[in-house]
């Protein structure tokens, strides 16, 4: 998957304890992300997670560049560690347009919050960016269209 550097919020970020994304997107500069289309954060697992129980990925906005005092506008819910293996199909985290437009004035920055469930992880890295199109389904298998006689 190819990510745009301007929409990248995590780049192989080690997530061993609950943390926010290392980068944010300044909505005063990016302005209307998606321009009327539904957009999502695409999250890839670069290194398999270990030790923790689960990870929840939240879409957050804040008046502060460091994403402190955030508003949660979307979430994956808890994803069990067994599903967070390197190379898995990317995780889609929707950015609800209705929630973006109803935010209090001053919510200038958007990013992600990674919430570790159970004890801290001993391994795990994520890369995340905003994208506009849905991922191709890599798990689709179709029967062959021929027979050997």
N, C-alpha and C. Protein backbone atom coordinates (compact mmCIF):
# COMPACT_ATOMS: atom_id res chain seq x y z
N UNK A 1 0.84 -1.18 0.00
CA UNK A 1 0.00 0.00 0.00
C UNK A 1 0.88 1.24 0.00
N UNK A 2 0.48 2.24 -0.77
CA UNK A 2 1.24 3.48 -0.86
C UNK A 2 0.50 4.56 -0.06
N UNK A 3 1.22 5.21 0.85
CA UNK A 3 0.66 6.28 1.65
C UNK A 3 1.23 7.61 1.20
N UNK A 4 0.43 8.66 1.28
CA UNK A 4 0.86 10.03 1.01
C UNK A 4 1.53 10.56 2.28
N UNK A 5 2.75 11.07 2.17
CA UNK A 5 3.48 11.56 3.34
C UNK A 5 2.73 12.67 4.07
N UNK A 6 1.90 13.43 3.36
CA UNK A 6 1.17 14.53 4.00
C UNK A 6 0.00 14.03 4.86
N UNK A 7 -0.42 12.79 4.66
CA UNK A 7 -1.52 12.25 5.45
C UNK A 7 -1.06 11.15 6.40
N UNK A 8 0.26 10.96 6.51
CA UNK A 8 0.84 9.93 7.36
C UNK A 8 0.88 10.41 8.81
N UNK A 9 0.24 9.68 9.72
CA UNK A 9 0.26 10.06 11.13
C UNK A 9 1.15 9.15 11.97
N UNK A 10 1.40 7.93 11.50
CA UNK A 10 2.33 7.01 12.16
C UNK A 10 3.13 6.31 11.08
N UNK A 11 4.44 6.22 11.29
CA UNK A 11 5.31 5.56 10.32
C UNK A 11 6.13 4.50 11.06
N UNK A 12 5.64 3.26 11.03
CA UNK A 12 6.27 2.15 11.77
C UNK A 12 6.47 2.56 13.24
N UNK A 13 5.43 3.19 13.80
CA UNK A 13 5.48 3.67 15.19
C UNK A 13 5.38 2.50 16.15
N UNK A 14 6.34 2.40 17.06
CA UNK A 14 6.29 1.37 18.10
C UNK A 14 5.16 1.72 19.05
N UNK A 15 4.24 0.79 19.26
CA UNK A 15 3.09 1.02 20.13
C UNK A 15 3.11 -0.07 21.21
N UNK A 16 3.92 0.16 22.23
CA UNK A 16 4.02 -0.82 23.31
C UNK A 16 3.24 -0.39 24.55
N UNK A 17 2.84 0.87 24.58
CA UNK A 17 1.97 1.41 25.64
C UNK A 17 0.97 2.34 24.95
N UNK A 18 -0.12 2.66 25.62
CA UNK A 18 -1.10 3.57 25.03
C UNK A 18 -0.42 4.88 24.65
N UNK A 19 -0.70 5.37 23.45
CA UNK A 19 -0.04 6.58 22.94
C UNK A 19 -0.84 7.16 21.79
N UNK A 20 -0.58 8.43 21.48
CA UNK A 20 -1.17 9.06 20.31
C UNK A 20 -0.19 8.91 19.14
N UNK A 21 -0.69 9.12 17.93
CA UNK A 21 0.16 9.04 16.75
C UNK A 21 1.28 10.09 16.83
N UNK A 22 2.42 9.76 16.23
CA UNK A 22 3.57 10.67 16.30
C UNK A 22 3.35 11.93 15.48
N UNK A 23 2.48 11.88 14.49
CA UNK A 23 2.19 13.05 13.66
C UNK A 23 0.69 13.36 13.73
N UNK A 24 0.36 14.58 13.37
CA UNK A 24 -1.04 14.99 13.29
C UNK A 24 -1.27 15.63 11.92
N UNK A 25 -2.52 15.80 11.58
CA UNK A 25 -2.87 16.53 10.37
C UNK A 25 -3.56 17.81 10.81
N UNK A 26 -3.02 18.93 10.35
CA UNK A 26 -3.55 20.25 10.69
C UNK A 26 -4.71 20.56 9.75
N UNK A 27 -5.92 20.51 10.30
CA UNK A 27 -7.11 20.72 9.47
C UNK A 27 -7.25 22.16 8.98
N UNK A 28 -6.49 23.09 9.57
CA UNK A 28 -6.53 24.46 9.06
C UNK A 28 -5.72 24.56 7.77
N UNK A 29 -4.80 23.61 7.56
CA UNK A 29 -4.01 23.56 6.34
C UNK A 29 -4.60 22.58 5.34
N UNK A 30 -5.00 21.38 5.83
CA UNK A 30 -5.54 20.35 4.94
C UNK A 30 -6.96 20.70 4.53
N UNK A 31 -7.60 21.54 5.32
CA UNK A 31 -8.95 22.01 5.10
C UNK A 31 -9.96 20.87 4.99
N UNK A 32 -10.61 20.70 3.88
CA UNK A 32 -11.67 19.71 3.76
C UNK A 32 -11.10 18.36 3.32
N UNK A 33 -10.74 17.53 4.28
CA UNK A 33 -10.17 16.24 3.92
C UNK A 33 -11.25 15.38 3.29
N UNK A 34 -10.97 14.84 2.14
CA UNK A 34 -11.92 13.99 1.44
C UNK A 34 -12.85 14.73 0.52
N UNK A 35 -13.03 16.02 0.68
CA UNK A 35 -13.87 16.85 -0.18
C UNK A 35 -15.19 16.18 -0.56
N UNK A 36 -15.97 15.81 0.44
CA UNK A 36 -17.29 15.23 0.20
C UNK A 36 -17.32 13.73 0.13
N UNK A 37 -16.17 13.08 0.06
CA UNK A 37 -16.10 11.62 0.05
C UNK A 37 -15.84 11.10 1.46
N UNK A 38 -16.26 9.87 1.70
CA UNK A 38 -15.93 9.26 2.98
C UNK A 38 -14.45 8.89 2.96
N UNK A 39 -13.75 9.25 4.01
CA UNK A 39 -12.34 8.91 4.11
C UNK A 39 -12.10 8.09 5.37
N UNK A 40 -10.99 7.40 5.38
CA UNK A 40 -10.64 6.52 6.49
C UNK A 40 -9.16 6.66 6.81
N UNK A 41 -8.80 6.21 7.98
CA UNK A 41 -7.40 5.95 8.25
C UNK A 41 -7.16 4.50 7.88
N UNK A 42 -6.10 4.23 7.14
CA UNK A 42 -5.67 2.88 6.85
C UNK A 42 -4.50 2.58 7.76
N UNK A 43 -4.57 1.49 8.50
CA UNK A 43 -3.52 1.15 9.47
C UNK A 43 -2.95 -0.21 9.11
N UNK A 44 -1.63 -0.25 8.90
CA UNK A 44 -0.96 -1.51 8.62
C UNK A 44 -0.14 -1.93 9.83
N UNK A 45 -0.01 -3.23 10.02
CA UNK A 45 0.79 -3.77 11.12
C UNK A 45 2.17 -4.10 10.55
N UNK A 46 3.18 -3.35 10.99
CA UNK A 46 4.55 -3.55 10.51
C UNK A 46 5.31 -4.58 11.33
N UNK A 47 4.95 -4.70 12.59
CA UNK A 47 5.58 -5.68 13.49
C UNK A 47 4.47 -6.27 14.34
N UNK A 48 4.43 -7.60 14.43
CA UNK A 48 3.38 -8.29 15.21
C UNK A 48 3.42 -7.84 16.66
N UNK A 49 2.23 -7.78 17.26
CA UNK A 49 2.12 -7.40 18.66
C UNK A 49 2.34 -8.61 19.56
N UNK A 50 2.86 -8.37 20.75
CA UNK A 50 3.09 -9.44 21.71
C UNK A 50 2.78 -8.94 23.12
N UNK A 51 2.37 -9.84 23.96
CA UNK A 51 2.14 -9.67 25.40
C UNK A 51 0.81 -9.02 25.76
N UNK A 52 0.47 -7.88 25.18
CA UNK A 52 -0.78 -7.19 25.55
C UNK A 52 -1.99 -8.05 25.18
N UNK A 53 -3.15 -7.63 25.62
CA UNK A 53 -4.39 -8.35 25.32
C UNK A 53 -5.04 -7.87 24.03
N UNK A 54 -5.09 -6.52 23.87
CA UNK A 54 -5.77 -5.94 22.71
C UNK A 54 -5.25 -4.54 22.43
N UNK A 55 -5.62 -4.03 21.27
CA UNK A 55 -5.33 -2.64 20.90
C UNK A 55 -6.60 -2.05 20.31
N UNK A 56 -6.97 -0.87 20.78
CA UNK A 56 -8.09 -0.12 20.20
C UNK A 56 -7.48 1.08 19.48
N UNK A 57 -7.93 1.33 18.25
CA UNK A 57 -7.45 2.47 17.48
C UNK A 57 -8.57 3.49 17.39
N UNK A 58 -8.32 4.68 17.94
CA UNK A 58 -9.34 5.73 17.98
C UNK A 58 -8.93 6.89 17.07
N UNK A 59 -9.89 7.43 16.32
CA UNK A 59 -9.69 8.66 15.57
C UNK A 59 -10.00 9.79 16.54
N UNK A 60 -9.04 10.71 16.71
CA UNK A 60 -9.23 11.80 17.66
C UNK A 60 -8.95 13.16 17.02
N UNK A 61 -9.58 14.18 17.57
CA UNK A 61 -9.30 15.56 17.18
C UNK A 61 -8.96 16.33 18.44
N UNK A 62 -8.24 17.44 18.25
CA UNK A 62 -7.83 18.24 19.40
C UNK A 62 -7.54 19.66 18.94
N UNK A 63 -7.60 20.58 19.88
CA UNK A 63 -7.20 21.95 19.62
C UNK A 63 -5.68 22.08 19.68
N UNK A 64 -5.02 21.03 20.17
CA UNK A 64 -3.57 21.06 20.40
C UNK A 64 -2.83 20.12 19.44
N UNK A 65 -1.69 20.57 18.95
CA UNK A 65 -0.90 19.78 18.00
C UNK A 65 -0.43 18.45 18.58
N UNK A 66 -0.27 18.38 19.91
CA UNK A 66 0.16 17.13 20.54
C UNK A 66 -1.02 16.21 20.86
N UNK A 67 -2.21 16.57 20.39
CA UNK A 67 -3.45 15.81 20.55
C UNK A 67 -3.88 15.61 22.00
N UNK A 68 -3.47 16.52 22.87
CA UNK A 68 -3.93 16.45 24.27
C UNK A 68 -5.38 16.90 24.36
N UNK A 69 -6.09 16.46 25.38
CA UNK A 69 -7.51 16.76 25.59
C UNK A 69 -8.32 16.48 24.33
N UNK A 70 -8.25 15.25 23.79
CA UNK A 70 -8.88 14.96 22.51
C UNK A 70 -10.37 14.66 22.59
N UNK A 71 -11.03 14.76 21.45
CA UNK A 71 -12.39 14.27 21.23
C UNK A 71 -12.26 13.00 20.40
N UNK A 72 -12.85 11.90 20.86
CA UNK A 72 -12.85 10.66 20.09
C UNK A 72 -14.04 10.71 19.13
N UNK A 73 -13.75 10.58 17.82
CA UNK A 73 -14.85 10.65 16.84
C UNK A 73 -15.05 9.33 16.09
N UNK A 74 -14.17 8.37 16.30
CA UNK A 74 -14.31 7.06 15.67
C UNK A 74 -13.40 6.06 16.34
N UNK A 75 -13.72 4.78 16.23
CA UNK A 75 -12.93 3.75 16.90
C UNK A 75 -13.12 2.39 16.23
N UNK A 76 -12.11 1.55 16.37
CA UNK A 76 -12.20 0.17 15.89
C UNK A 76 -12.82 -0.73 16.95
N UNK A 77 -12.86 -0.26 18.19
CA UNK A 77 -13.15 -1.16 19.30
C UNK A 77 -11.88 -1.97 19.56
N UNK A 78 -11.89 -2.79 20.57
CA UNK A 78 -10.70 -3.56 20.92
C UNK A 78 -10.44 -4.65 19.88
N UNK A 79 -9.22 -4.71 19.39
CA UNK A 79 -8.79 -5.76 18.45
C UNK A 79 -7.83 -6.67 19.22
N UNK A 80 -8.14 -7.95 19.29
CA UNK A 80 -7.29 -8.87 20.05
C UNK A 80 -5.93 -9.00 19.39
N UNK A 81 -4.91 -9.17 20.22
CA UNK A 81 -3.52 -9.22 19.77
C UNK A 81 -3.29 -10.30 18.71
N UNK A 82 -3.98 -11.43 18.83
CA UNK A 82 -3.80 -12.52 17.85
C UNK A 82 -4.11 -12.07 16.43
N UNK A 83 -4.92 -11.01 16.27
CA UNK A 83 -5.27 -10.51 14.95
C UNK A 83 -4.32 -9.43 14.44
N UNK A 84 -3.39 -9.00 15.30
CA UNK A 84 -2.47 -7.93 14.93
C UNK A 84 -1.10 -8.48 14.57
N UNK A 85 -1.06 -9.21 13.46
CA UNK A 85 0.19 -9.81 13.00
C UNK A 85 0.71 -9.06 11.78
N UNK A 86 2.02 -8.99 11.67
CA UNK A 86 2.65 -8.27 10.55
C UNK A 86 2.14 -8.81 9.22
N UNK A 87 1.84 -7.90 8.30
CA UNK A 87 1.40 -8.28 6.97
C UNK A 87 -0.08 -8.56 6.84
N UNK A 88 -0.83 -8.44 7.91
CA UNK A 88 -2.28 -8.69 7.81
C UNK A 88 -2.93 -7.63 6.93
N UNK A 89 -4.15 -7.89 6.53
CA UNK A 89 -4.91 -6.93 5.74
C UNK A 89 -5.01 -5.62 6.53
N UNK A 90 -4.84 -4.47 5.88
CA UNK A 90 -4.91 -3.19 6.61
C UNK A 90 -6.24 -3.01 7.34
N UNK A 91 -6.16 -2.33 8.44
CA UNK A 91 -7.33 -2.04 9.28
C UNK A 91 -7.89 -0.69 8.82
N UNK A 92 -9.19 -0.63 8.59
CA UNK A 92 -9.84 0.63 8.21
C UNK A 92 -10.49 1.25 9.44
N UNK A 93 -10.21 2.52 9.68
CA UNK A 93 -10.85 3.26 10.77
C UNK A 93 -11.55 4.45 10.14
N UNK A 94 -12.87 4.40 10.08
CA UNK A 94 -13.67 5.45 9.42
C UNK A 94 -13.54 6.79 10.14
N UNK A 95 -13.55 7.84 9.34
CA UNK A 95 -13.62 9.21 9.87
C UNK A 95 -15.02 9.70 9.56
N UNK A 96 -15.92 9.64 10.53
CA UNK A 96 -17.31 10.02 10.26
C UNK A 96 -17.44 11.50 9.90
N UNK A 97 -17.88 11.79 8.69
CA UNK A 97 -18.01 13.19 8.24
C UNK A 97 -18.98 13.96 9.13
N UNK A 98 -20.04 13.31 9.59
CA UNK A 98 -21.00 14.01 10.44
C UNK A 98 -20.36 14.44 11.75
N UNK A 99 -19.46 13.63 12.28
CA UNK A 99 -18.77 13.98 13.53
C UNK A 99 -17.75 15.10 13.29
N UNK A 100 -17.09 15.07 12.13
CA UNK A 100 -16.12 16.13 11.82
C UNK A 100 -16.80 17.49 11.73
N UNK A 101 -17.96 17.53 11.07
CA UNK A 101 -18.64 18.81 10.88
C UNK A 101 -19.32 19.31 12.14
N UNK A 102 -19.54 18.43 13.12
CA UNK A 102 -20.22 18.86 14.35
C UNK A 102 -19.25 19.10 15.51
N UNK A 103 -17.95 19.08 15.24
CA UNK A 103 -16.97 19.29 16.30
C UNK A 103 -17.03 20.72 16.82
N UNK A 104 -16.68 20.90 18.09
CA UNK A 104 -16.61 22.27 18.62
C UNK A 104 -15.57 23.08 17.86
N UNK A 105 -15.77 24.38 17.80
CA UNK A 105 -14.81 25.27 17.14
C UNK A 105 -13.45 25.10 17.80
N UNK A 106 -12.40 25.09 17.00
CA UNK A 106 -11.05 25.01 17.53
C UNK A 106 -10.44 23.62 17.46
N UNK A 107 -11.19 22.62 17.01
CA UNK A 107 -10.63 21.27 16.89
C UNK A 107 -9.82 21.21 15.59
N UNK A 108 -8.60 21.71 15.67
CA UNK A 108 -7.77 21.95 14.49
C UNK A 108 -6.98 20.73 14.01
N UNK A 109 -6.66 19.81 14.91
CA UNK A 109 -5.77 18.70 14.57
C UNK A 109 -6.51 17.36 14.63
N UNK A 110 -6.11 16.44 13.75
CA UNK A 110 -6.67 15.09 13.74
C UNK A 110 -5.52 14.09 13.74
N UNK A 111 -5.73 12.98 14.41
CA UNK A 111 -4.72 11.94 14.47
C UNK A 111 -5.34 10.68 15.06
N UNK A 112 -4.50 9.78 15.55
CA UNK A 112 -4.97 8.53 16.12
C UNK A 112 -4.49 8.37 17.56
N UNK A 113 -5.27 7.64 18.32
CA UNK A 113 -4.89 7.26 19.68
C UNK A 113 -4.90 5.74 19.73
N UNK A 114 -3.80 5.16 20.19
CA UNK A 114 -3.68 3.71 20.32
C UNK A 114 -3.82 3.34 21.79
N UNK A 115 -4.84 2.56 22.11
CA UNK A 115 -5.11 2.20 23.50
C UNK A 115 -4.78 0.72 23.68
N UNK A 116 -3.77 0.45 24.49
CA UNK A 116 -3.33 -0.92 24.76
C UNK A 116 -4.19 -1.49 25.88
N UNK A 117 -4.73 -2.69 25.67
CA UNK A 117 -5.50 -3.39 26.69
C UNK A 117 -4.64 -4.44 27.36
N UNK A 118 -4.84 -4.65 28.65
CA UNK A 118 -4.02 -5.60 29.41
C UNK A 118 -2.69 -4.97 29.74
N UNK A 119 -1.66 -5.78 29.88
CA UNK A 119 -0.33 -5.24 30.18
C UNK A 119 0.26 -4.62 28.92
N UNK A 120 1.29 -3.79 29.09
CA UNK A 120 1.93 -3.16 27.93
C UNK A 120 2.47 -4.23 26.98
N UNK A 121 2.52 -3.90 25.71
CA UNK A 121 3.04 -4.83 24.70
C UNK A 121 4.56 -4.82 24.74
N UNK A 122 5.17 -5.94 24.40
CA UNK A 122 6.62 -6.00 24.30
C UNK A 122 7.07 -5.80 22.85
N UNK A 123 6.14 -5.83 21.92
CA UNK A 123 6.44 -5.58 20.51
C UNK A 123 5.16 -5.13 19.81
N UNK A 124 5.32 -4.44 18.71
CA UNK A 124 4.19 -4.00 17.90
C UNK A 124 4.44 -2.65 17.27
N UNK A 125 4.32 -2.58 15.94
CA UNK A 125 4.51 -1.32 15.22
C UNK A 125 3.39 -1.13 14.21
N UNK A 126 2.93 0.12 14.08
CA UNK A 126 1.84 0.46 13.17
C UNK A 126 2.22 1.62 12.27
N UNK A 127 1.70 1.60 11.05
CA UNK A 127 1.80 2.72 10.12
C UNK A 127 0.37 3.10 9.76
N UNK A 128 0.07 4.40 9.77
CA UNK A 128 -1.30 4.85 9.52
C UNK A 128 -1.32 6.15 8.74
N UNK A 129 -2.28 6.25 7.81
CA UNK A 129 -2.48 7.46 7.02
C UNK A 129 -3.92 7.52 6.55
N UNK A 130 -4.36 8.70 6.17
CA UNK A 130 -5.70 8.88 5.61
C UNK A 130 -5.67 8.46 4.15
N UNK A 131 -6.72 7.80 3.72
CA UNK A 131 -6.87 7.44 2.31
C UNK A 131 -8.33 7.62 1.93
N UNK A 132 -8.59 7.69 0.63
CA UNK A 132 -9.96 7.95 0.17
C UNK A 132 -10.65 6.73 -0.40
N UNK A 133 -9.92 5.77 -0.91
CA UNK A 133 -10.53 4.61 -1.54
C UNK A 133 -10.49 3.41 -0.61
N UNK A 134 -11.36 2.45 -0.84
CA UNK A 134 -11.33 1.24 -0.04
C UNK A 134 -10.19 0.35 -0.50
N UNK A 135 -9.72 -0.48 0.42
CA UNK A 135 -8.65 -1.42 0.09
C UNK A 135 -9.18 -2.51 -0.81
N UNK A 136 -8.32 -3.03 -1.66
CA UNK A 136 -8.71 -4.20 -2.43
C UNK A 136 -8.76 -5.38 -1.49
N UNK A 137 -9.73 -6.24 -1.67
CA UNK A 137 -9.86 -7.40 -0.80
C UNK A 137 -8.87 -8.47 -1.23
N UNK A 138 -7.83 -8.63 -0.44
CA UNK A 138 -6.79 -9.59 -0.78
C UNK A 138 -7.21 -11.01 -0.47
N UNK A 139 -8.32 -11.20 0.22
CA UNK A 139 -8.74 -12.54 0.63
C UNK A 139 -9.72 -13.17 -0.36
N UNK A 140 -10.02 -12.52 -1.46
CA UNK A 140 -10.99 -13.06 -2.41
C UNK A 140 -10.37 -14.18 -3.23
N UNK A 141 -11.01 -15.33 -3.22
CA UNK A 141 -10.58 -16.47 -4.03
C UNK A 141 -11.75 -16.91 -4.87
N UNK A 142 -11.49 -17.14 -6.15
CA UNK A 142 -12.53 -17.58 -7.07
C UNK A 142 -12.13 -18.92 -7.66
N UNK A 143 -13.10 -19.74 -7.99
CA UNK A 143 -12.77 -21.03 -8.61
C UNK A 143 -12.19 -20.80 -10.00
N UNK A 144 -11.33 -21.73 -10.43
CA UNK A 144 -10.75 -21.61 -11.77
C UNK A 144 -11.85 -21.75 -12.81
N UNK A 145 -11.68 -21.16 -13.96
CA UNK A 145 -12.70 -21.18 -14.99
C UNK A 145 -12.44 -22.23 -16.06
N UNK A 146 -11.65 -23.21 -15.72
CA UNK A 146 -11.36 -24.26 -16.71
C UNK A 146 -11.30 -25.61 -16.01
N UNK A 147 -11.34 -26.68 -16.81
CA UNK A 147 -11.23 -28.04 -16.29
C UNK A 147 -10.17 -28.78 -17.08
N UNK A 148 -9.41 -29.63 -16.44
CA UNK A 148 -8.41 -30.45 -17.11
C UNK A 148 -9.04 -31.81 -17.38
N UNK A 149 -9.06 -32.22 -18.66
CA UNK A 149 -9.67 -33.50 -19.03
C UNK A 149 -8.64 -34.45 -19.60
